[in-house]
């Protein structure tokens, strides 16, 4: 099993991560501080590795569901 060594370029900050995942920056920070989202602190910055982003995207995606007001097809006569 080969492991890739992560470089600083592989990490994204809060603004870029929230843009990529489509969630707000405040929600992302709260997730790290209160709900156990994975992240790394580099100095005073909160940074996310590709694995961190994948975990957050998988655990907090909203599954597609049926719309409550969808149209029903008329039965063929």
Protein backbone atom coordinates (compact mmCIF):
# COMPACT_ATOMS: atom_id res chain seq x y z
CA UNK A 1 0.00 0.00 0.00
CA UNK A 2 1.52 3.32 -1.06
CA UNK A 3 0.83 6.49 0.82
CA UNK A 4 1.07 9.92 -0.72
CA UNK A 5 2.88 12.56 1.26
CA UNK A 6 0.70 15.62 1.58
CA UNK A 7 2.16 19.03 0.83
CA UNK A 8 0.89 22.42 1.89
CA UNK A 9 -0.58 22.89 -1.60
CA UNK A 10 -2.93 19.92 -0.99
CA UNK A 11 -4.62 21.74 1.91
CA UNK A 12 -7.37 24.34 1.55
CA UNK A 13 -8.46 27.04 3.96
CA UNK A 14 -11.96 27.62 5.31
CA UNK A 15 -13.05 29.92 2.48
CA UNK A 16 -11.98 27.54 -0.30
CA UNK A 17 -13.29 24.44 1.48
CA UNK A 18 -16.69 26.00 2.12
CA UNK A 19 -16.89 27.06 -1.54
CA UNK A 20 -15.99 23.56 -2.76
CA UNK A 21 -18.45 21.84 -0.42
CA UNK A 22 -21.25 24.38 -0.83
CA UNK A 23 -21.66 25.11 2.87
CA UNK A 24 -21.14 28.30 4.84
CA UNK A 25 -17.86 29.19 6.50
CA UNK A 26 -19.53 29.54 9.90
CA UNK A 27 -21.09 26.07 9.61
CA UNK A 28 -17.72 24.62 8.65
CA UNK A 29 -15.94 26.26 11.61
CA UNK A 30 -18.71 25.21 14.00
CA UNK A 31 -18.45 21.67 12.67
CA UNK A 32 -14.75 21.58 13.50
CA UNK A 33 -15.08 23.27 16.89
CA UNK A 34 -18.21 21.51 18.16
CA UNK A 35 -19.07 18.45 16.09
CA UNK A 36 -15.78 16.71 15.35
CA UNK A 37 -15.21 17.58 11.68
CA UNK A 38 -11.64 16.65 10.75
CA UNK A 39 -9.24 19.56 10.16
CA UNK A 40 -5.70 20.71 10.84
CA UNK A 41 -4.55 23.91 12.48
CA UNK A 42 -1.53 25.47 10.81
CA UNK A 43 -0.55 28.42 12.91
CA UNK A 44 -3.80 30.30 13.37
CA UNK A 45 -5.34 28.96 10.17
CA UNK A 46 -7.80 26.12 9.95
CA UNK A 47 -6.85 23.91 6.98
CA UNK A 48 -8.47 20.87 5.36
CA UNK A 49 -6.73 17.98 3.60
CA UNK A 50 -8.33 16.13 0.67
CA UNK A 51 -9.31 13.34 3.09
CA UNK A 52 -10.90 15.85 5.47
CA UNK A 53 -12.95 17.34 2.64
CA UNK A 54 -14.04 13.90 1.44
CA UNK A 55 -15.15 12.91 4.97
CA UNK A 56 -17.16 16.10 5.44
CA UNK A 57 -18.76 15.77 2.00
CA UNK A 58 -19.73 12.13 2.63
CA UNK A 59 -21.08 12.57 6.14
CA UNK A 60 -22.96 15.79 5.56
CA UNK A 61 -24.41 15.48 2.10
CA UNK A 62 -28.15 15.83 1.75
CA UNK A 63 -29.52 12.80 -0.09
CA UNK A 64 -31.91 13.41 -2.95
CA UNK A 65 -35.50 12.79 -2.02
CA UNK A 66 -38.90 13.03 -3.56
CA UNK A 67 -40.42 16.43 -3.80
CA UNK A 68 -43.63 16.90 -1.81
CA UNK A 69 -45.19 18.82 -4.66
CA UNK A 70 -44.11 16.66 -7.58
CA UNK A 71 -46.47 16.06 -10.46
CA UNK A 72 -48.16 12.70 -10.72
CA UNK A 73 -48.58 11.20 -14.18
CA UNK A 74 -52.08 10.47 -15.26
CA UNK A 75 -52.75 6.76 -15.76
CA UNK A 76 -52.97 5.73 -19.40
CA UNK A 77 -56.52 4.79 -20.31
